[in-house]
Amino acid sequence: MTRMLCLLALILAAPLAQAQALNPAEAQPVGPGYETIDPPQPTSSGNKVEVIEVFSYGCIHCAHFQPTVDTWKKKMPANVQFSYLPAFFQPYFALMGRVYYTAEALGVVEKAHGAVFKAIFDEKKPMSKMEDIAEFYKAYGVKPEDFVAASTSFAVETKVRRATELVQRYKVDGTPTIIVNGKYRVGPRSAGGYDKIFDVVNTLIAKEQAAAKK
């Protein structure tokens, strides 16, 4: 099914997720609702519990999941640090991962995040080349030539390499996937549906917070 989705994405010029093409209604929980990461990976959140969404702007499942993420972020537990981590599974994901870090370097990533999904999947805007994407960010005060230049900057290249390594270390094979404190992977299949992901995440956060107090 994954290959069929990728082929369809190329035809429609609106790439879909490369993995976890899962209907929430068909999802069945595996084990406790999460998978452990072996070995656990170090975090960069200090004494806060680190929560990361591995995603791609080219993933339609991530687009559908984004409102859930937005809602959870507004009421996420205290002492938690949330961030996004782009996946680089295939060429379009790689392009859009670079776009994410370029927008971050230019200070517009949070403002434009949800709008990127909308532009790709709802508005069907041309978003297959960096030059086209740079035009999109004009609405956020960035000159197209500045966006293109920043996309190959040292800072962006460094983050692209780090993201690629992290996704491999987390052993993520599909998007969206939530990583909790470098120890746990939570996705629609393990949780039993997209709507249950953050129930599992909240439980793991509480577990990590309790362990930190011992």
N, C-alpha and C. Protein backbone atom coordinates (compact mmCIF):
# COMPACT_ATOMS: atom_id res chain seq x y z
N MET A 1 0.83 -1.21 0.00
CA MET A 1 0.00 0.00 0.00
C MET A 1 0.86 1.26 0.00
N THR A 2 2.00 1.17 0.70
CA THR A 2 2.90 2.32 0.76
C THR A 2 3.38 2.72 -0.62
N ARG A 3 3.80 1.72 -1.44
CA ARG A 3 4.27 2.04 -2.78
C ARG A 3 3.18 2.66 -3.63
N MET A 4 1.97 2.16 -3.47
CA MET A 4 0.84 2.71 -4.22
C MET A 4 0.62 4.16 -3.85
N LEU A 5 0.72 4.49 -2.56
CA LEU A 5 0.52 5.87 -2.12
C LEU A 5 1.60 6.77 -2.68
N CYS A 6 2.84 6.28 -2.69
CA CYS A 6 3.92 7.11 -3.22
C CYS A 6 3.74 7.36 -4.71
N LEU A 7 3.29 6.32 -5.46
CA LEU A 7 3.04 6.48 -6.87
C LEU A 7 1.93 7.48 -7.10
N LEU A 8 0.87 7.38 -6.31
CA LEU A 8 -0.24 8.32 -6.44
C LEU A 8 0.23 9.74 -6.14
N ALA A 9 1.11 9.85 -5.15
CA ALA A 9 1.61 11.18 -4.79
C ALA A 9 2.35 11.82 -5.95
N LEU A 10 3.17 11.03 -6.65
CA LEU A 10 3.91 11.56 -7.78
C LEU A 10 2.97 12.00 -8.89
N ILE A 11 1.93 11.23 -9.10
CA ILE A 11 0.97 11.55 -10.16
C ILE A 11 0.23 12.83 -9.86
N LEU A 12 -0.17 12.99 -8.61
CA LEU A 12 -0.96 14.15 -8.22
C LEU A 12 -0.11 15.34 -7.80
N ALA A 13 1.19 15.11 -7.71
CA ALA A 13 2.12 16.16 -7.24
C ALA A 13 1.74 16.67 -5.86
N ALA A 14 1.19 15.76 -5.08
CA ALA A 14 0.87 16.08 -3.68
C ALA A 14 1.26 14.87 -2.86
N PRO A 15 2.55 14.72 -2.57
CA PRO A 15 3.08 13.51 -1.93
C PRO A 15 2.39 13.19 -0.61
N LEU A 16 2.21 11.91 -0.39
CA LEU A 16 1.56 11.43 0.83
C LEU A 16 2.59 10.78 1.72
N ALA A 17 2.16 10.33 2.85
CA ALA A 17 3.08 9.69 3.79
C ALA A 17 3.63 8.43 3.16
N GLN A 18 4.92 8.15 3.44
CA GLN A 18 5.56 6.97 2.89
C GLN A 18 5.24 5.74 3.71
N ALA A 19 4.89 5.95 4.96
CA ALA A 19 4.61 4.81 5.82
C ALA A 19 3.46 5.15 6.75
N GLN A 20 2.99 4.12 7.43
CA GLN A 20 1.87 4.26 8.36
C GLN A 20 0.64 4.82 7.66
N ALA A 21 0.36 4.37 6.44
CA ALA A 21 -0.86 4.79 5.76
C ALA A 21 -2.01 4.01 6.39
N LEU A 22 -2.42 4.50 7.52
CA LEU A 22 -3.31 3.74 8.38
C LEU A 22 -4.60 4.48 8.63
N ASN A 23 -5.70 3.81 8.40
CA ASN A 23 -7.00 4.37 8.74
C ASN A 23 -7.20 4.22 10.24
N PRO A 24 -7.45 5.35 10.95
CA PRO A 24 -7.61 5.25 12.40
C PRO A 24 -8.66 4.23 12.82
N ALA A 25 -9.68 4.07 12.03
CA ALA A 25 -10.74 3.13 12.39
C ALA A 25 -10.25 1.69 12.33
N GLU A 26 -9.16 1.45 11.54
CA GLU A 26 -8.64 0.10 11.39
C GLU A 26 -7.49 -0.18 12.35
N ALA A 27 -7.04 0.83 13.07
CA ALA A 27 -5.88 0.67 13.94
C ALA A 27 -6.20 -0.24 15.11
N GLN A 28 -5.24 -1.09 15.43
CA GLN A 28 -5.37 -1.95 16.59
C GLN A 28 -4.15 -1.73 17.47
N PRO A 29 -4.36 -1.46 18.77
CA PRO A 29 -3.22 -1.20 19.65
C PRO A 29 -2.31 -2.41 19.76
N VAL A 30 -1.00 -2.13 19.84
CA VAL A 30 -0.01 -3.18 20.01
C VAL A 30 0.60 -3.02 21.39
N GLY A 31 0.48 -4.04 22.25
CA GLY A 31 1.07 -3.97 23.57
C GLY A 31 0.49 -2.83 24.38
N PRO A 32 1.36 -2.05 25.04
CA PRO A 32 0.90 -1.00 25.96
C PRO A 32 0.52 0.31 25.27
N GLY A 33 0.54 0.34 23.96
CA GLY A 33 0.21 1.58 23.25
C GLY A 33 1.43 2.32 22.76
N TYR A 34 2.61 1.77 23.02
CA TYR A 34 3.85 2.41 22.57
C TYR A 34 4.90 1.34 22.32
N GLU A 35 5.99 1.76 21.69
CA GLU A 35 7.14 0.89 21.47
C GLU A 35 8.34 1.54 22.16
N THR A 36 9.21 0.73 22.71
CA THR A 36 10.40 1.27 23.37
C THR A 36 11.52 1.46 22.35
N ILE A 37 12.34 2.47 22.58
CA ILE A 37 13.49 2.76 21.73
C ILE A 37 14.72 2.16 22.40
N ASP A 38 15.37 1.26 21.70
CA ASP A 38 16.51 0.55 22.26
C ASP A 38 17.73 0.71 21.34
N PRO A 39 18.77 1.40 21.82
CA PRO A 39 18.90 1.98 23.16
C PRO A 39 18.19 3.33 23.25
N PRO A 40 17.82 3.76 24.45
CA PRO A 40 17.23 5.10 24.60
C PRO A 40 18.20 6.16 24.11
N GLN A 41 17.65 7.24 23.58
CA GLN A 41 18.46 8.31 23.03
C GLN A 41 18.51 9.51 23.97
N PRO A 42 19.63 10.22 23.99
CA PRO A 42 19.72 11.41 24.86
C PRO A 42 18.75 12.49 24.42
N THR A 43 18.33 13.30 25.35
CA THR A 43 17.41 14.40 25.06
C THR A 43 18.15 15.73 25.12
N SER A 44 17.49 16.77 24.66
CA SER A 44 18.08 18.11 24.70
C SER A 44 17.17 19.08 25.45
N SER A 45 16.35 18.53 26.34
CA SER A 45 15.33 19.33 27.03
C SER A 45 15.65 19.61 28.49
N GLY A 46 16.88 19.31 28.91
CA GLY A 46 17.24 19.55 30.30
C GLY A 46 16.43 18.69 31.25
N ASN A 47 15.81 19.32 32.26
CA ASN A 47 15.01 18.56 33.22
C ASN A 47 13.54 18.45 32.81
N LYS A 48 13.23 18.88 31.59
CA LYS A 48 11.87 18.74 31.08
C LYS A 48 11.72 17.43 30.31
N VAL A 49 10.49 16.93 30.25
CA VAL A 49 10.21 15.75 29.44
C VAL A 49 10.14 16.19 27.98
N GLU A 50 10.91 15.55 27.15
CA GLU A 50 10.99 15.92 25.73
C GLU A 50 9.95 15.15 24.92
N VAL A 51 9.13 15.88 24.18
CA VAL A 51 8.14 15.28 23.29
C VAL A 51 8.40 15.81 21.88
N ILE A 52 8.58 14.91 20.94
CA ILE A 52 8.91 15.28 19.57
C ILE A 52 7.92 14.64 18.61
N GLU A 53 7.42 15.41 17.67
CA GLU A 53 6.63 14.82 16.58
C GLU A 53 7.52 14.68 15.36
N VAL A 54 7.72 13.45 14.93
CA VAL A 54 8.39 13.19 13.66
C VAL A 54 7.32 13.29 12.58
N PHE A 55 7.52 14.19 11.63
CA PHE A 55 6.47 14.52 10.69
C PHE A 55 7.06 14.87 9.33
N SER A 56 6.19 15.14 8.38
CA SER A 56 6.60 15.75 7.11
C SER A 56 5.46 16.60 6.59
N TYR A 57 5.83 17.73 5.99
CA TYR A 57 4.82 18.53 5.31
C TYR A 57 4.23 17.77 4.12
N GLY A 58 4.95 16.78 3.62
CA GLY A 58 4.46 15.99 2.49
C GLY A 58 3.58 14.82 2.89
N CYS A 59 3.27 14.71 4.18
CA CYS A 59 2.49 13.58 4.71
C CYS A 59 1.06 14.02 4.99
N ILE A 60 0.11 13.47 4.26
CA ILE A 60 -1.28 13.87 4.44
C ILE A 60 -1.81 13.47 5.82
N HIS A 61 -1.27 12.39 6.38
CA HIS A 61 -1.68 11.98 7.73
C HIS A 61 -1.22 13.01 8.76
N CYS A 62 -0.03 13.58 8.54
CA CYS A 62 0.46 14.64 9.43
C CYS A 62 -0.43 15.88 9.32
N ALA A 63 -0.88 16.17 8.11
CA ALA A 63 -1.77 17.30 7.90
C ALA A 63 -3.07 17.11 8.67
N HIS A 64 -3.63 15.91 8.59
CA HIS A 64 -4.87 15.62 9.31
C HIS A 64 -4.66 15.60 10.83
N PHE A 65 -3.45 15.23 11.24
CA PHE A 65 -3.14 15.11 12.67
C PHE A 65 -2.79 16.46 13.30
N GLN A 66 -2.44 17.45 12.48
CA GLN A 66 -1.96 18.73 13.02
C GLN A 66 -2.95 19.42 13.96
N PRO A 67 -4.26 19.44 13.65
CA PRO A 67 -5.19 20.07 14.61
C PRO A 67 -5.16 19.40 15.98
N THR A 68 -4.96 18.08 16.01
CA THR A 68 -4.85 17.37 17.27
C THR A 68 -3.61 17.81 18.02
N VAL A 69 -2.51 17.97 17.29
CA VAL A 69 -1.26 18.45 17.89
C VAL A 69 -1.45 19.85 18.47
N ASP A 70 -2.08 20.71 17.68
CA ASP A 70 -2.31 22.09 18.13
C ASP A 70 -3.13 22.13 19.42
N THR A 71 -4.17 21.31 19.47
CA THR A 71 -5.02 21.27 20.66
C THR A 71 -4.24 20.78 21.87
N TRP A 72 -3.46 19.73 21.67
CA TRP A 72 -2.68 19.17 22.78
C TRP A 72 -1.64 20.17 23.28
N LYS A 73 -0.98 20.87 22.38
CA LYS A 73 0.07 21.82 22.78
C LYS A 73 -0.48 22.92 23.69
N LYS A 74 -1.73 23.30 23.47
CA LYS A 74 -2.33 24.36 24.28
C LYS A 74 -2.54 23.94 25.74
N LYS A 75 -2.64 22.64 25.96
CA LYS A 75 -2.91 22.16 27.32
C LYS A 75 -1.96 21.03 27.73
N MET A 76 -0.79 20.99 27.09
CA MET A 76 0.15 19.92 27.42
C MET A 76 0.62 20.03 28.86
N PRO A 77 0.96 18.91 29.47
CA PRO A 77 1.36 18.92 30.87
C PRO A 77 2.53 19.87 31.14
N ALA A 78 2.62 20.32 32.37
CA ALA A 78 3.72 21.20 32.74
C ALA A 78 5.05 20.46 32.66
N ASN A 79 6.11 21.22 32.54
CA ASN A 79 7.47 20.68 32.51
C ASN A 79 7.70 19.76 31.31
N VAL A 80 7.10 20.13 30.17
CA VAL A 80 7.26 19.38 28.94
C VAL A 80 7.78 20.32 27.86
N GLN A 81 8.72 19.82 27.06
CA GLN A 81 9.23 20.59 25.92
C GLN A 81 8.83 19.86 24.64
N PHE A 82 8.10 20.56 23.77
CA PHE A 82 7.63 19.97 22.51
C PHE A 82 8.39 20.56 21.34
N SER A 83 8.68 19.71 20.35
CA SER A 83 9.32 20.20 19.12
C SER A 83 8.96 19.28 17.96
N TYR A 84 9.23 19.77 16.75
CA TYR A 84 9.01 18.99 15.53
C TYR A 84 10.33 18.47 14.99
N LEU A 85 10.28 17.30 14.37
CA LEU A 85 11.46 16.72 13.74
C LEU A 85 11.07 16.21 12.36
N PRO A 86 11.51 16.86 11.29
CA PRO A 86 11.15 16.40 9.95
C PRO A 86 11.77 15.04 9.62
N ALA A 87 11.02 14.23 8.90
CA ALA A 87 11.53 12.96 8.39
C ALA A 87 12.02 13.15 6.96
N PHE A 88 13.00 12.35 6.56
CA PHE A 88 13.61 12.47 5.24
C PHE A 88 13.55 11.13 4.50
N PHE A 89 12.37 10.48 4.54
CA PHE A 89 12.22 9.13 4.00
C PHE A 89 12.38 9.07 2.48
N GLN A 90 11.96 10.10 1.78
CA GLN A 90 11.98 10.09 0.31
C GLN A 90 12.21 11.51 -0.18
N PRO A 91 12.46 11.71 -1.48
CA PRO A 91 12.88 13.03 -1.97
C PRO A 91 11.98 14.19 -1.59
N TYR A 92 10.66 14.02 -1.67
CA TYR A 92 9.79 15.15 -1.35
C TYR A 92 9.82 15.45 0.15
N PHE A 93 9.87 14.41 0.96
CA PHE A 93 10.01 14.61 2.40
C PHE A 93 11.31 15.36 2.69
N ALA A 94 12.38 15.01 1.98
CA ALA A 94 13.67 15.66 2.19
C ALA A 94 13.59 17.15 1.83
N LEU A 95 12.92 17.45 0.72
CA LEU A 95 12.75 18.85 0.33
C LEU A 95 11.98 19.61 1.40
N MET A 96 10.88 19.04 1.87
CA MET A 96 10.05 19.75 2.83
C MET A 96 10.68 19.81 4.22
N GLY A 97 11.54 18.84 4.53
CA GLY A 97 12.29 18.92 5.78
C GLY A 97 13.25 20.10 5.75
N ARG A 98 13.88 20.29 4.60
CA ARG A 98 14.76 21.44 4.43
C ARG A 98 13.97 22.75 4.51
N VAL A 99 12.76 22.72 3.97
CA VAL A 99 11.88 23.90 4.05
C VAL A 99 11.59 24.23 5.51
N TYR A 100 11.29 23.21 6.31
CA TYR A 100 11.00 23.45 7.73
C TYR A 100 12.16 24.15 8.41
N TYR A 101 13.37 23.64 8.21
CA TYR A 101 14.52 24.23 8.88
C TYR A 101 14.89 25.60 8.31
N THR A 102 14.59 25.82 7.05
CA THR A 102 14.82 27.15 6.47
C THR A 102 13.87 28.16 7.11
N ALA A 103 12.61 27.79 7.21
CA ALA A 103 11.63 28.68 7.85
C ALA A 103 11.99 28.92 9.31
N GLU A 104 12.51 27.90 9.98
CA GLU A 104 12.93 28.06 11.37
C GLU A 104 14.10 29.04 11.46
N ALA A 105 15.06 28.91 10.56
CA ALA A 105 16.22 29.80 10.56
C ALA A 105 15.81 31.25 10.32
N LEU A 106 14.74 31.44 9.56
CA LEU A 106 14.28 32.79 9.22
C LEU A 106 13.21 33.30 10.19
N GLY A 107 12.89 32.51 11.21
CA GLY A 107 11.97 32.96 12.25
C GLY A 107 10.50 32.94 11.90
N VAL A 108 10.10 32.15 10.90
CA VAL A 108 8.69 32.13 10.50
C VAL A 108 8.06 30.74 10.57
N VAL A 109 8.77 29.79 11.15
CA VAL A 109 8.27 28.41 11.10
C VAL A 109 6.95 28.25 11.85
N GLU A 110 6.81 28.85 13.03
CA GLU A 110 5.57 28.69 13.80
C GLU A 110 4.40 29.39 13.12
N LYS A 111 4.65 30.56 12.56
CA LYS A 111 3.59 31.31 11.89
C LYS A 111 3.03 30.56 10.69
N ALA A 112 3.90 29.88 9.96
CA ALA A 112 3.50 29.28 8.68
C ALA A 112 3.20 27.79 8.77
N HIS A 113 3.46 27.17 9.91
CA HIS A 113 3.43 25.71 9.99
C HIS A 113 2.12 25.10 9.46
N GLY A 114 1.01 25.49 10.03
CA GLY A 114 -0.27 24.93 9.60
C GLY A 114 -0.63 25.32 8.18
N ALA A 115 -0.22 26.52 7.78
CA ALA A 115 -0.55 27.00 6.44
C ALA A 115 0.17 26.22 5.35
N VAL A 116 1.32 25.65 5.66
CA VAL A 116 2.04 24.84 4.67
C VAL A 116 1.22 23.61 4.31
N PHE A 117 0.70 22.93 5.31
CA PHE A 117 -0.17 21.77 5.05
C PHE A 117 -1.37 22.17 4.19
N LYS A 118 -1.97 23.28 4.55
CA LYS A 118 -3.15 23.75 3.81
C LYS A 118 -2.80 24.06 2.37
N ALA A 119 -1.66 24.69 2.15
CA ALA A 119 -1.24 25.05 0.79
C ALA A 119 -1.02 23.82 -0.07
N ILE A 120 -0.45 22.77 0.52
CA ILE A 120 -0.15 21.56 -0.24
C ILE A 120 -1.40 20.74 -0.50
N PHE A 121 -2.16 20.45 0.54
CA PHE A 121 -3.23 19.46 0.42
C PHE A 121 -4.61 20.05 0.15
N ASP A 122 -4.86 21.28 0.55
CA ASP A 122 -6.17 21.88 0.33
C ASP A 122 -6.18 22.83 -0.87
N GLU A 123 -5.16 23.69 -0.93
CA GLU A 123 -5.13 24.70 -1.98
C GLU A 123 -4.39 24.23 -3.22
N LYS A 124 -3.66 23.10 -3.12
CA LYS A 124 -2.93 22.53 -4.27
C LYS A 124 -1.98 23.53 -4.92
N LYS A 125 -1.33 24.32 -4.09
CA LYS A 125 -0.37 25.29 -4.61
C LYS A 125 0.88 24.58 -5.09
N PRO A 126 1.59 25.17 -6.07
CA PRO A 126 2.84 24.55 -6.53
C PRO A 126 3.88 24.59 -5.41
N MET A 127 4.24 23.43 -4.91
CA MET A 127 5.17 23.36 -3.78
C MET A 127 6.18 22.24 -4.02
N SER A 128 6.57 22.05 -5.28
CA SER A 128 7.48 20.95 -5.60
C SER A 128 8.92 21.40 -5.79
N LYS A 129 9.15 22.71 -5.84
CA LYS A 129 10.49 23.25 -6.02
C LYS A 129 10.75 24.33 -4.97
N MET A 130 12.00 24.46 -4.58
CA MET A 130 12.33 25.44 -3.55
C MET A 130 11.93 26.85 -3.98
N GLU A 131 12.08 27.15 -5.26
CA GLU A 131 11.72 28.48 -5.75
C GLU A 131 10.23 28.75 -5.59
N ASP A 132 9.40 27.74 -5.86
CA ASP A 132 7.94 27.89 -5.67
C ASP A 132 7.60 28.08 -4.19
N ILE A 133 8.26 27.29 -3.37
CA ILE A 133 8.00 27.35 -1.94
C ILE A 133 8.43 28.70 -1.37
N ALA A 134 9.54 29.23 -1.89
CA ALA A 134 10.01 30.54 -1.45
C ALA A 134 8.97 31.62 -1.72
N GLU A 135 8.25 31.50 -2.81
CA GLU A 135 7.18 32.45 -3.12
C GLU A 135 6.08 32.39 -2.07
N PHE A 136 5.79 31.19 -1.60
CA PHE A 136 4.77 31.02 -0.56
C PHE A 136 5.13 31.80 0.70
N TYR A 137 6.40 31.81 1.07
CA TYR A 137 6.82 32.46 2.31
C TYR A 137 6.89 33.98 2.20
N LYS A 138 6.64 34.53 1.02
CA LYS A 138 6.54 35.99 0.89
C LYS A 138 5.45 36.54 1.79
N ALA A 139 4.39 35.76 1.95
CA ALA A 139 3.27 36.18 2.80
C ALA A 139 3.68 36.33 4.27
N TYR A 140 4.85 35.80 4.61
CA TYR A 140 5.33 35.86 6.00
C TYR A 140 6.54 36.79 6.12
N GLY A 141 6.68 37.67 5.12
CA GLY A 141 7.71 38.70 5.20
C GLY A 141 9.10 38.29 4.78
N VAL A 142 9.22 37.16 4.09
CA VAL A 142 10.54 36.67 3.66
C VAL A 142 10.68 36.84 2.16
N LYS A 143 11.76 37.48 1.73
CA LYS A 143 12.01 37.62 0.30
C LYS A 143 12.37 36.25 -0.29
N PRO A 144 11.81 35.92 -1.46
CA PRO A 144 12.09 34.62 -2.06
C PRO A 144 13.58 34.31 -2.19
N GLU A 145 14.36 35.32 -2.60
CA GLU A 145 15.79 35.08 -2.76
C GLU A 145 16.48 34.79 -1.43
N ASP A 146 15.97 35.39 -0.36
CA ASP A 146 16.53 35.12 0.96
C ASP A 146 16.18 33.71 1.42
N PHE A 147 14.98 33.28 1.11
CA PHE A 147 14.56 31.93 1.50
C PHE A 147 15.41 30.89 0.78
N VAL A 148 15.59 31.06 -0.52
CA VAL A 148 16.38 30.11 -1.31
C VAL A 148 17.81 30.07 -0.80
N ALA A 149 18.38 31.24 -0.52
CA ALA A 149 19.75 31.30 -0.03
C ALA A 149 19.90 30.60 1.32
N ALA A 150 18.94 30.84 2.20
CA ALA A 150 19.00 30.24 3.53
C ALA A 150 18.84 28.73 3.50
N SER A 151 18.17 28.21 2.48
CA SER A 151 17.89 26.77 2.41
C SER A 151 19.15 25.92 2.27
N THR A 152 20.26 26.54 1.85
CA THR A 152 21.51 25.79 1.74
C THR A 152 22.58 26.34 2.68
N SER A 153 22.15 27.08 3.69
CA SER A 153 23.09 27.65 4.65
C SER A 153 23.69 26.56 5.52
N PHE A 154 24.79 26.89 6.17
CA PHE A 154 25.45 25.93 7.06
C PHE A 154 24.52 25.50 8.18
N ALA A 155 23.78 26.46 8.75
CA ALA A 155 22.88 26.14 9.86
C ALA A 155 21.81 25.13 9.44
N VAL A 156 21.23 25.34 8.25
CA VAL A 156 20.19 24.42 7.77
C VAL A 156 20.79 23.06 7.43
N GLU A 157 21.94 23.04 6.77
CA GLU A 157 22.60 21.78 6.44
C GLU A 157 22.90 20.97 7.70
N THR A 158 23.33 21.64 8.74
CA THR A 158 23.65 20.96 10.00
C THR A 158 22.40 20.33 10.61
N LYS A 159 21.29 21.06 10.60
CA LYS A 159 20.05 20.53 11.16
C LYS A 159 19.48 19.39 10.32
N VAL A 160 19.64 19.48 9.00
CA VAL A 160 19.19 18.40 8.12
C VAL A 160 19.93 17.10 8.45
N ARG A 161 21.24 17.20 8.61
CA ARG A 161 22.03 16.00 8.93
C ARG A 161 21.64 15.44 10.29
N ARG A 162 21.46 16.33 11.25
CA ARG A 162 21.10 15.87 12.60
C ARG A 162 19.73 15.21 12.61
N ALA A 163 18.77 15.80 11.90
CA ALA A 163 17.42 15.23 11.85
C ALA A 163 17.44 13.84 11.22
N THR A 164 18.19 13.70 10.15
CA THR A 164 18.28 12.40 9.47
C THR A 164 18.83 11.34 10.42
N GLU A 165 19.86 11.70 11.18
CA GLU A 165 20.46 10.77 12.13
C GLU A 165 19.49 10.43 13.26
N LEU A 166 18.79 11.44 13.77
CA LEU A 166 17.88 11.21 14.89
C LEU A 166 16.74 10.28 14.51
N VAL A 167 16.14 10.50 13.35
CA VAL A 167 15.03 9.65 12.92
C VAL A 167 15.49 8.20 12.81
N GLN A 168 16.72 8.00 12.35
CA GLN A 168 17.27 6.64 12.26
C GLN A 168 17.49 6.06 13.66
N ARG A 169 18.02 6.87 14.57
CA ARG A 169 18.25 6.38 15.93
C ARG A 169 16.96 6.05 16.65
N TYR A 170 15.92 6.83 16.37
CA TYR A 170 14.61 6.56 16.98
C TYR A 170 13.92 5.37 16.32
N LYS A 171 14.48 4.90 15.20
CA LYS A 171 13.91 3.77 14.45
C LYS A 171 12.46 4.05 14.01
N VAL A 172 12.26 5.26 13.56
CA VAL A 172 10.94 5.66 13.06
C VAL A 172 10.82 5.25 11.60
N ASP A 173 9.71 4.60 11.25
CA ASP A 173 9.50 4.19 9.86
C ASP A 173 8.24 4.77 9.25
N GLY A 174 7.60 5.69 9.94
CA GLY A 174 6.40 6.31 9.39
C GLY A 174 6.05 7.58 10.12
N THR A 175 5.21 8.37 9.49
CA THR A 175 4.79 9.63 10.08
C THR A 175 3.27 9.72 10.11
N PRO A 176 2.70 10.38 11.12
CA PRO A 176 3.35 10.99 12.26
C PRO A 176 3.70 9.96 13.34
N THR A 177 4.81 10.21 14.02
CA THR A 177 5.21 9.41 15.18
C THR A 177 5.64 10.36 16.28
N ILE A 178 5.24 10.08 17.51
CA ILE A 178 5.62 10.89 18.65
C ILE A 178 6.72 10.17 19.44
N ILE A 179 7.79 10.89 19.75
CA ILE A 179 8.87 10.36 20.57
C ILE A 179 8.80 11.02 21.94
N VAL A 180 8.81 10.19 22.98
CA VAL A 180 8.74 10.72 24.34
C VAL A 180 10.05 10.43 25.07
N ASN A 181 10.74 11.50 25.41
CA ASN A 181 11.96 11.46 26.23
C ASN A 181 13.04 10.53 25.69
N GLY A 182 13.07 10.37 24.38
CA GLY A 182 14.08 9.53 23.77
C GLY A 182 13.93 8.05 24.05
N LYS A 183 12.82 7.67 24.70
CA LYS A 183 12.64 6.28 25.15
C LYS A 183 11.50 5.54 24.47
N TYR A 184 10.49 6.29 24.00
CA TYR A 184 9.27 5.65 23.53
C TYR A 184 8.82 6.22 22.18
N ARG A 185 8.31 5.34 21.30
CA ARG A 185 7.67 5.72 20.05
C ARG A 185 6.17 5.48 20.18
N VAL A 186 5.39 6.47 19.77
CA VAL A 186 3.93 6.32 19.81
C VAL A 186 3.38 6.73 18.45
N GLY A 187 2.67 5.83 17.82
CA GLY A 187 2.03 6.11 16.53
C GLY A 187 0.62 5.58 16.51
N PRO A 188 -0.11 5.77 15.41
CA PRO A 188 -1.50 5.33 15.35
C PRO A 188 -1.66 3.82 15.50
N ARG A 189 -0.67 3.07 15.02
CA ARG A 189 -0.80 1.62 15.11
C ARG A 189 -0.59 1.15 16.54
N SER A 190 0.42 1.66 17.20
CA SER A 190 0.67 1.21 18.58
C SER A 190 -0.39 1.73 19.54
N ALA A 191 -0.87 2.96 19.31
CA ALA A 191 -1.84 3.56 20.22
C ALA A 191 -3.26 3.08 19.96
N GLY A 192 -3.52 2.60 18.74
CA GLY A 192 -4.87 2.16 18.41
C GLY A 192 -5.68 3.22 17.70
N GLY A 193 -5.00 4.20 17.09
CA GLY A 193 -5.70 5.25 16.36
C GLY A 193 -5.07 6.60 16.63
N TYR A 194 -5.22 7.50 15.67
CA TYR A 194 -4.66 8.84 15.82
C TYR A 194 -5.25 9.58 17.03
N ASP A 195 -6.52 9.32 17.30
CA ASP A 195 -7.19 10.02 18.39
C ASP A 195 -6.74 9.55 19.76
N LYS A 196 -5.99 8.45 19.81
CA LYS A 196 -5.54 7.91 21.09
C LYS A 196 -4.06 8.18 21.35
N ILE A 197 -3.37 8.75 20.37
CA ILE A 197 -1.92 8.94 20.50
C ILE A 197 -1.57 9.76 21.74
N PHE A 198 -2.23 10.88 21.93
CA PHE A 198 -1.84 11.74 23.04
C PHE A 198 -2.31 11.22 24.39
N ASP A 199 -3.29 10.32 24.40
CA ASP A 199 -3.62 9.65 25.66
C ASP A 199 -2.42 8.84 26.13
N VAL A 200 -1.80 8.13 25.18
CA VAL A 200 -0.61 7.33 25.50
C VAL A 200 0.55 8.25 25.86
N VAL A 201 0.72 9.31 25.08
CA VAL A 201 1.81 10.27 25.34
C VAL A 201 1.69 10.86 26.74
N ASN A 202 0.50 11.26 27.13
CA ASN A 202 0.29 11.84 28.46
C ASN A 202 0.64 10.84 29.57
N THR A 203 0.30 9.58 29.34
CA THR A 203 0.64 8.55 30.32
C THR A 203 2.15 8.39 30.44
N LEU A 204 2.84 8.43 29.32
CA LEU A 204 4.30 8.30 29.33
C LEU A 204 4.97 9.51 29.96
N ILE A 205 4.40 10.69 29.72
CA ILE A 205 4.93 11.90 30.36
C ILE A 205 4.82 11.79 31.88
N ALA A 206 3.66 11.35 32.34
CA ALA A 206 3.47 11.17 33.79
C ALA A 206 4.44 10.14 34.36
N LYS A 207 4.67 9.10 33.59
CA LYS A 207 5.62 8.06 34.01
C LYS A 207 7.03 8.63 34.14
N GLU A 208 7.45 9.42 33.17
CA GLU A 208 8.77 10.01 33.19
C GLU A 208 8.91 11.04 34.31
N GLN A 209 7.86 11.82 34.53
CA GLN A 209 7.90 12.82 35.61
C GLN A 209 7.97 12.15 36.97
N ALA A 210 7.25 11.05 37.13
CA ALA A 210 7.29 10.33 38.40
C ALA A 210 8.67 9.72 38.64
N ALA A 211 9.27 9.18 37.59
CA ALA A 211 10.59 8.59 37.71
C ALA A 211 11.65 9.61 38.07
N ALA A 212 11.48 10.84 37.55
CA ALA A 212 12.45 11.90 37.82
C ALA A 212 12.42 12.35 39.28
N LYS A 213 11.30 12.12 39.96
CA LYS A 213 11.17 12.55 41.36
C LYS A 213 11.75 11.53 42.33
N LYS A 214 12.03 10.33 41.85
CA LYS A 214 12.54 9.27 42.75
C LYS A 214 14.02 9.48 43.07
